[in-house]
Protein backbone atom coordinates (compact mmCIF):
# COMPACT_ATOMS: atom_id res chain seq x y z
CA MET A 1 -0.06 0.00 0.35
CA ALA A 2 1.18 3.97 -0.39
CA LEU A 3 3.12 5.47 2.52
CA GLU A 4 0.60 7.24 4.56
CA SER A 5 1.56 10.03 6.86
CA ALA A 6 0.52 10.12 10.53
CA LEU A 7 -1.51 13.69 10.44
CA ALA A 8 -3.74 11.57 7.46
CA PHE A 9 -3.83 8.38 9.47
CA LEU A 10 -5.13 10.64 12.87
CA LYS A 11 -7.38 12.93 11.05
CA SER A 12 -9.05 10.06 9.21
CA ALA A 13 -8.46 7.56 12.89
CA GLY A 14 -11.85 8.00 13.95
CA SER A 15 -13.77 6.91 10.36
CA ARG A 16 -12.60 4.08 9.76
CA LYS A 17 -14.59 0.82 9.31
CA SER A 18 -11.45 -1.19 9.58
CA LEU A 19 -7.89 -1.87 9.91
CA GLU A 20 -5.45 -3.57 7.81
CA PRO A 21 -3.93 -7.05 9.46
CA ALA A 22 -0.68 -5.59 8.94
CA ILE A 23 1.02 -1.83 9.89
CA VAL A 24 4.28 -0.96 10.14
CA ILE A 25 4.86 2.67 12.05
CA PHE A 26 8.18 4.10 11.70
CA GLY A 27 9.88 7.69 11.54
CA PRO A 28 11.93 10.28 13.82
CA HIS A 29 8.99 11.71 15.77
CA ALA A 30 8.72 9.69 19.28
CA PHE A 31 5.33 10.70 20.00
CA LEU A 32 4.27 10.85 16.97
CA ARG A 33 4.53 7.23 16.51
CA GLU A 34 3.06 6.76 20.04
CA ALA A 35 -0.15 8.93 19.29
CA VAL A 36 -0.49 6.58 16.41
CA LEU A 37 -0.03 3.46 17.68
CA ALA A 38 -2.42 4.73 20.74
CA SER A 39 -4.85 6.04 18.36
CA LEU A 40 -5.11 3.23 16.21
CA VAL A 41 -5.08 0.52 19.45
CA ALA A 42 -7.96 1.83 21.11
CA PRO A 43 -11.10 0.72 19.06
CA LEU A 44 -9.48 -2.37 18.27
CA LEU A 45 -9.12 -2.88 22.34
CA GLY A 46 -13.14 -1.28 22.40
CA ALA A 47 -14.05 -4.44 19.92
CA GLY A 48 -13.06 -6.96 22.43
CA TYR A 49 -9.30 -7.71 21.14
CA GLN A 50 -6.86 -8.46 23.21
CA TYR A 51 -3.35 -6.76 22.96
CA ARG A 52 0.58 -8.38 23.27
CA SER A 53 3.60 -6.14 23.25
CA PHE A 54 6.78 -7.36 22.61
CA HIS A 55 9.94 -5.36 22.55
CA ILE A 56 12.36 -6.72 19.84
CA SER A 57 16.26 -6.53 20.47
CA SER A 58 17.07 -9.85 18.01
CA SER A 59 15.83 -12.01 15.93
CA ALA A 60 14.26 -14.42 18.62
CA ASP A 61 12.47 -11.44 19.71
CA PHE A 62 10.90 -11.29 16.41
CA ASP A 63 10.44 -15.28 16.27
CA ARG A 64 8.31 -15.40 19.85
CA ALA A 65 5.99 -12.32 18.71
CA LEU A 66 4.99 -14.45 14.83
CA GLU A 67 4.68 -16.91 17.56
CA GLU A 68 2.01 -15.19 19.59
CA ALA A 69 0.66 -13.58 16.28
CA ARG A 70 -0.23 -17.18 14.56
CA ALA A 71 -0.66 -19.27 17.53
CA PRO A 72 -4.81 -20.33 18.66
CA ASP A 73 -5.81 -18.56 21.87
CA LEU A 74 -8.86 -20.62 23.78
CA PHE A 75 -9.56 -17.08 25.76
CA ALA A 76 -8.38 -14.22 23.34
CA SER A 77 -9.65 -15.11 19.40
CA LYS A 78 -8.83 -11.77 18.14
CA ARG A 79 -5.20 -9.94 19.15
CA VAL A 80 -3.14 -7.38 18.28
CA VAL A 81 0.19 -8.00 18.18
CA VAL A 82 2.95 -5.03 19.30
CA CYS A 83 6.47 -5.29 17.91
CA ARG A 84 8.50 -2.11 19.26
CA VAL A 85 11.91 -2.38 17.10
CA LEU A 86 14.04 -1.08 19.50
CA LYS A 87 17.11 1.03 17.33
CA ALA A 88 19.53 -1.18 18.78
CA LEU A 89 18.90 -3.88 16.68
CA ARG A 90 19.07 -1.66 13.70
CA GLU A 91 22.73 -0.92 15.12
CA ARG A 92 23.69 -4.43 15.77
CA ALA A 93 22.65 -5.40 12.45
CA GLY A 94 24.82 -2.83 10.52
CA GLY A 95 23.38 0.24 10.46
CA GLU A 96 20.76 1.80 8.17
CA ASP A 97 21.45 -0.22 5.37
CA ALA A 98 21.35 -3.66 7.53
CA GLY A 99 17.82 -4.29 5.59
CA ASP A 100 19.89 -4.63 2.52
CA ALA A 101 22.14 -6.22 4.11
CA GLY A 102 20.36 -9.08 5.92
CA GLU A 103 18.75 -10.29 2.58
CA ALA A 104 22.06 -11.10 1.24
CA ASP A 105 23.10 -12.83 4.69
CA ASP A 106 20.13 -15.19 4.35
CA ALA A 107 20.90 -15.26 0.36
CA PRO A 108 22.13 -19.10 0.96
CA SER A 109 18.94 -20.20 3.27
CA ARG A 110 16.49 -19.47 0.35
CA GLY A 111 15.44 -22.47 -0.56
CA GLY A 112 15.15 -23.95 2.73
CA SER A 113 12.73 -23.54 5.46
CA ALA A 114 11.04 -20.38 6.32
CA ARG A 115 13.75 -18.44 7.71
CA GLY A 116 13.10 -16.80 11.19
CA GLY A 117 13.99 -13.13 12.64
CA GLU A 118 13.16 -9.90 9.99
CA ALA A 119 13.00 -12.38 7.23
CA ALA A 120 9.88 -14.51 8.83
CA VAL A 121 8.27 -10.90 9.80
CA ALA A 122 8.59 -9.86 5.92
CA GLU A 123 6.69 -13.12 4.98
CA ALA A 124 4.19 -12.41 7.81
CA LEU A 125 3.16 -8.92 6.43
CA GLU A 126 3.29 -10.50 2.29
CA SER A 127 0.53 -13.06 3.58
CA ALA A 128 -1.09 -11.19 6.67
CA ARG A 129 -4.66 -12.37 6.96
CA GLY A 130 -7.20 -11.26 9.70
CA PRO A 131 -8.61 -11.61 12.26
CA ASN A 132 -5.78 -10.31 14.46
CA HIS A 133 -3.34 -7.73 13.63
CA LEU A 134 0.24 -7.31 13.68
CA VAL A 135 1.55 -3.86 14.33
CA LEU A 136 5.34 -2.87 13.87
CA VAL A 137 7.04 0.15 15.47
CA TYR A 138 10.40 0.67 14.13
CA GLU A 139 12.84 3.24 16.47
CA ARG A 140 14.51 4.78 13.54
CA ASP A 141 13.63 7.28 10.28
CA ASN A 142 12.69 4.05 8.23
CA ALA A 143 11.88 1.06 7.95
CA PRO A 144 14.42 -1.50 6.94
CA ALA A 145 14.14 -2.58 3.12
CA LYS A 146 13.20 -5.85 3.11
CA ILE A 147 10.02 -4.52 5.19
CA ARG A 148 9.38 -1.75 2.78
CA ARG A 149 8.71 -4.61 0.16
CA ALA A 150 6.69 -6.39 2.29
CA ALA A 151 4.46 -3.69 3.62
CA GLU A 152 3.73 -2.26 -0.20
CA LYS A 153 1.60 -5.43 -0.67
CA SER A 154 -0.98 -5.33 1.62
CA ALA A 155 0.18 -3.46 4.92
CA LEU A 156 -0.71 -0.05 6.21
CA PHE A 157 2.60 1.89 6.35
CA ILE A 158 2.51 5.04 8.48
CA GLY A 159 5.54 7.93 8.27
CA CYS A 160 5.86 9.73 11.53
CA ASN A 161 8.09 12.53 10.14
CA ARG A 162 9.06 15.59 12.09
CA PRO A 163 6.22 18.09 10.92
CA TYR A 164 6.58 21.15 9.38
CA ASP A 165 5.53 24.84 11.23
CA ASN A 166 2.33 25.63 9.19
CA GLN A 167 0.91 21.93 10.02
CA VAL A 168 1.48 22.15 14.11
CA PRO A 169 -2.20 23.35 14.49
CA GLU A 170 -3.56 20.66 12.07
CA TYR A 171 -1.90 18.34 14.21
CA ALA A 172 -3.49 19.73 17.05
CA GLY A 173 -6.99 19.18 15.50
CA ALA A 174 -5.85 15.67 14.56
CA LEU A 175 -5.41 14.69 18.16
CA ALA A 176 -8.30 16.14 19.54
CA LEU A 177 -10.55 14.75 16.81
CA ALA A 178 -8.25 11.23 18.03
CA ARG A 179 -9.90 11.61 20.96
CA GLY A 180 -13.56 12.42 20.05
CA LEU A 181 -13.10 16.10 20.74
CA ARG A 182 -13.21 19.16 18.45
CA LEU A 183 -11.82 22.31 19.11
CA ALA A 184 -13.24 26.09 18.56
CA PRO A 185 -11.91 28.48 16.14
CA GLY A 186 -8.34 29.58 16.59
CA VAL A 187 -7.72 27.53 19.20
CA ALA A 188 -5.44 25.17 17.49
CA GLN A 189 -3.35 27.97 16.35
CA ALA A 190 -3.48 28.97 19.54
CA MET A 191 -2.18 26.16 20.90
CA ALA A 192 0.57 25.44 18.71
CA GLU A 193 1.92 29.78 19.32
CA ARG A 194 1.40 28.91 23.35
CA HIS A 195 3.73 25.22 23.29
CA SER A 196 5.99 26.58 20.23
CA GLY A 197 5.09 23.78 18.25
CA ASP A 198 6.07 20.72 21.13
CA LEU A 199 2.98 17.83 19.86
CA ALA A 200 3.63 16.10 23.42
CA ALA A 201 2.69 19.31 25.34
CA ILE A 202 -0.24 20.04 22.76
CA ALA A 203 -1.63 16.37 23.73
CA ASN A 204 -1.53 16.82 27.34
CA ALA A 205 -3.07 20.41 27.34
CA ILE A 206 -6.38 18.86 25.11
CA ALA A 207 -5.93 15.39 27.98
CA LYS A 208 -6.57 17.91 30.64
CA ALA A 209 -9.29 20.02 28.80
CA ALA A 210 -11.19 16.95 28.07
CA ILE A 211 -11.95 16.29 31.56
CA ILE A 212 -13.53 19.62 32.17
CA ALA A 213 -15.00 20.30 28.46
CA GLU A 214 -18.95 19.42 27.98
CA PRO A 215 -19.98 16.80 26.15
CA GLY A 216 -20.65 17.30 22.54
CA HIS A 217 -19.29 21.04 22.75
CA PRO A 218 -15.84 21.98 21.08
CA ILE A 219 -12.81 22.94 23.31
CA GLY A 220 -12.59 26.64 23.57
CA PRO A 221 -9.98 28.85 25.39
CA GLY A 222 -11.80 28.67 28.43
CA GLU A 223 -11.02 24.81 28.88
CA LEU A 224 -7.43 25.44 28.21
CA SER A 225 -6.39 27.66 30.86
CA ASP A 226 -6.61 27.29 34.59
CA PRO A 227 -7.09 29.12 37.39
CA GLY A 228 -3.60 30.55 37.78
CA ALA A 229 -3.88 30.48 41.13
CA ARG A 230 -3.77 26.91 40.63
CA ARG A 231 -1.36 26.07 37.79
CA MET A 232 2.28 25.43 37.66
CA PRO A 233 3.78 27.14 35.11
CA GLU A 234 4.47 25.23 31.35
CA VAL A 235 8.15 24.91 30.68
CA PHE A 236 9.39 28.13 29.07
CA GLU A 237 6.19 29.89 29.70
CA ILE A 238 8.35 32.35 31.83
CA ALA A 239 11.02 33.02 29.22
CA ASP A 240 8.61 33.86 26.84
CA SER A 241 6.86 36.17 29.01
CA LEU A 242 10.12 37.60 29.50
CA ALA A 243 10.53 37.51 25.77
CA ARG A 244 7.70 39.88 25.59
CA GLY A 245 8.40 42.35 28.10
CA ARG A 246 5.60 41.26 30.40
CA ALA A 247 7.46 41.89 33.94
CA ALA A 248 4.19 41.20 35.63
CA VAL A 249 3.48 38.80 34.71
CA ALA A 250 7.07 36.84 34.48
CA ILE A 251 7.18 37.70 38.58
CA ALA A 252 3.95 36.26 38.70
CA GLN A 253 4.51 33.24 37.01
CA ILE A 254 7.71 33.08 39.09
CA ASP A 255 5.97 33.24 42.42
CA ARG A 256 3.44 30.65 41.20
CA ALA A 257 6.43 28.06 40.25
CA LEU A 258 8.46 28.11 43.26
CA ALA A 259 5.36 28.10 45.58
CA LEU A 260 4.49 25.17 43.78
CA GLY A 261 7.61 23.48 44.24
CA ARG A 262 10.25 24.85 41.22
CA ASP A 263 13.71 25.26 42.44
CA PRO A 264 15.22 28.86 41.71
CA ILE A 265 18.31 27.01 40.13
CA GLU A 266 16.57 25.41 37.91
CA ILE A 267 14.14 28.53 36.54
CA LEU A 268 17.09 30.60 36.00
CA ALA A 269 19.32 27.64 34.49
CA VAL A 270 16.20 26.53 32.05
CA GLU A 271 14.31 29.45 31.32
CA ILE A 272 15.86 32.72 32.15
CA ILE A 273 19.58 32.29 31.38
CA PRO A 274 19.14 30.36 28.06
CA GLY A 275 16.37 32.90 27.18
CA MET A 276 18.55 36.03 27.50
CA ARG A 277 21.43 33.92 25.98
CA ARG A 278 19.07 33.97 22.77
CA MET A 279 18.08 36.68 23.14
CA MET A 280 21.59 38.21 23.30
CA ILE A 281 22.94 36.30 20.13
CA ALA A 282 19.68 37.99 18.58
CA ALA A 283 20.35 40.95 18.89
CA ALA A 284 24.25 40.66 17.86
CA MET A 285 22.93 39.30 14.51
CA LEU A 286 20.25 42.19 13.97
CA SER A 287 23.03 44.50 14.57
CA ARG A 288 24.79 42.86 11.66
CA ARG A 289 21.45 43.43 9.64
CA ARG A 290 20.87 39.49 9.18
CA ARG A 291 17.43 38.33 7.80
CA PRO A 292 15.06 36.11 10.24
CA ASP A 293 15.41 33.45 8.62
CA GLU A 294 19.16 33.37 9.47
CA ILE A 295 18.66 34.50 13.27
CA ALA A 296 16.45 31.37 13.63
CA ALA A 297 19.12 28.94 12.10
CA ALA A 298 21.90 29.90 13.65
CA LEU A 299 19.28 29.71 16.61
CA GLY A 300 18.43 26.12 15.85
CA GLY A 301 14.78 26.92 15.25
CA SER A 302 12.72 27.53 12.12
CA PRO A 303 11.64 30.93 11.23
CA GLY A 304 7.92 30.84 12.21
CA GLY A 305 8.62 29.05 15.56
CA GLY A 306 8.37 30.12 19.02
CA PHE A 307 11.52 30.21 20.41
CA ALA A 308 13.13 32.13 17.36
CA THR A 309 10.22 34.51 17.00
CA ARG A 310 10.46 35.50 20.33
CA ALA A 311 14.14 36.07 20.53
CA ILE A 312 13.93 38.27 18.12
CA GLU A 313 11.19 40.33 19.74
CA GLY A 314 12.94 40.73 22.94
CA ALA A 315 16.43 41.67 21.16
CA ARG A 316 14.58 44.53 19.64
CA ARG A 317 12.69 45.03 23.13
CA TYR A 318 15.69 45.34 25.26
CA GLY A 319 18.96 46.01 23.36
CA SER A 320 21.90 44.22 23.40
CA ARG A 321 23.95 46.40 25.87
CA ARG A 322 20.53 45.87 28.00
CA LEU A 323 20.81 42.63 27.60
CA GLU A 324 24.24 41.31 28.58
CA ARG A 325 24.14 43.70 31.91
CA ALA A 326 21.05 41.82 32.88
CA TYR A 327 23.62 38.21 31.27
CA ARG A 328 26.08 39.02 33.43
CA ARG A 329 23.73 39.67 36.43
CA ALA A 330 21.76 36.05 35.53
CA ALA A 331 25.53 34.20 35.92
CA GLU A 332 26.09 36.13 39.62
CA LEU A 333 23.01 35.28 40.43
CA ASP A 334 23.34 31.17 39.43
CA GLU A 335 26.68 31.09 40.89
CA GLY A 336 25.56 32.73 44.43
CA PHE A 337 22.67 30.00 44.81
CA LYS A 338 24.87 27.27 44.05
CA ASN A 339 28.00 28.45 46.05
CA GLY A 340 25.18 29.22 48.73
CA ARG A 341 26.07 33.14 49.17
CA ILE A 342 22.73 34.22 47.94
CA LYS A 343 19.53 33.11 50.53
CA GLU A 344 16.80 35.01 49.22
CA ARG A 345 17.30 33.22 45.67
CA GLU A 346 13.36 34.47 44.69
CA GLN A 347 13.66 38.10 45.85
CA ALA A 348 16.93 38.08 43.64
CA ILE A 349 15.40 36.72 40.52
CA GLY A 350 12.27 39.30 40.95
CA ALA A 351 14.83 41.95 41.49
CA MET A 352 17.01 40.81 38.42
CA LEU A 353 14.04 40.83 36.08
CA ILE A 354 12.51 44.26 37.97
CA GLU A 355 15.85 46.09 36.88
CA LEU A 356 16.06 45.06 33.02
CA MET A 357 12.31 45.75 32.43
CA ALA A 358 12.54 49.35 34.77
CA ALA A 359 14.93 49.96 31.87
CA GLN A 360 13.54 49.28 29.14
CA GLU A 361 10.34 51.95 30.63
CA SER A 362 12.92 54.35 31.35
CA ALA A 363 14.25 54.12 27.87
CA ARG A 364 10.44 54.51 26.43
CA ALA A 365 9.72 57.16 28.35
């Protein structure tokens, strides 16, 4: 069968009347592999299938999984057998080209009995019949050549590549649809911007919103925003407020995070210092009249990504000199926190942010 993308599968998962008896999932995006697997297994479990899972790190593991898929079961007439093919298996077999090399190694035994391991799996894909389902999940960018050729004949072949920035809102809608939910207009785009394209964070937000959403109604902004006094700020949410110049919001987020158990050293090292570093890089490149796409590439992101956009906005807002002073101050705080010289950590972080953003306001005046 033709290759199907993870996005297309997630969009159509709820409307599929039946699934192919053999399914191959692969791709570099670990979360998407798991999301696709969950969306195809859930309806099977609801239809009375028994779930069997195997971690494949050797040919013997393949043999055991195939035996489970083929053997009759007195208590489970219908089963879905999931084989997670670990990346270590391919590395031991010789890397990315091991699928082709393996065929050459097996050549002398072609006239004999059915070969074990991956060769037997390829034969099982070609001859797969219901009611059981065999699912292969490869922890790599592509499936081996012999598996690809076998899957093209009868199996469902799903690729889980990293999404482009303009696809993230579509993925948000598809993840909600896979749960039987709908998003209100504009919510998918807002979630993509808020979580900077992190599909796992988007799926987590949808799962939490589903708890309080009214049945039959689309998920709106109200379900996605918990009361501030009870919600732990998401990772990088403080850095986002810092880049946007929202002093009161950033300090309130820090106070709430500390009250709910986050470490001041972790906030400084994970959010504030890296955020300042990105803005300093963007400011230096803006002074040399570099384009936004060049700045995004230097930061390791995409031109429309949240990190690059916020870094450029912050660089223009604060300027390189003010950022350098604030960065030196943050580095001094980090040293003082770790050697125990600074005891009042929360107040020190707040004072540093107020100093940075107050200078911004005085410059505007």
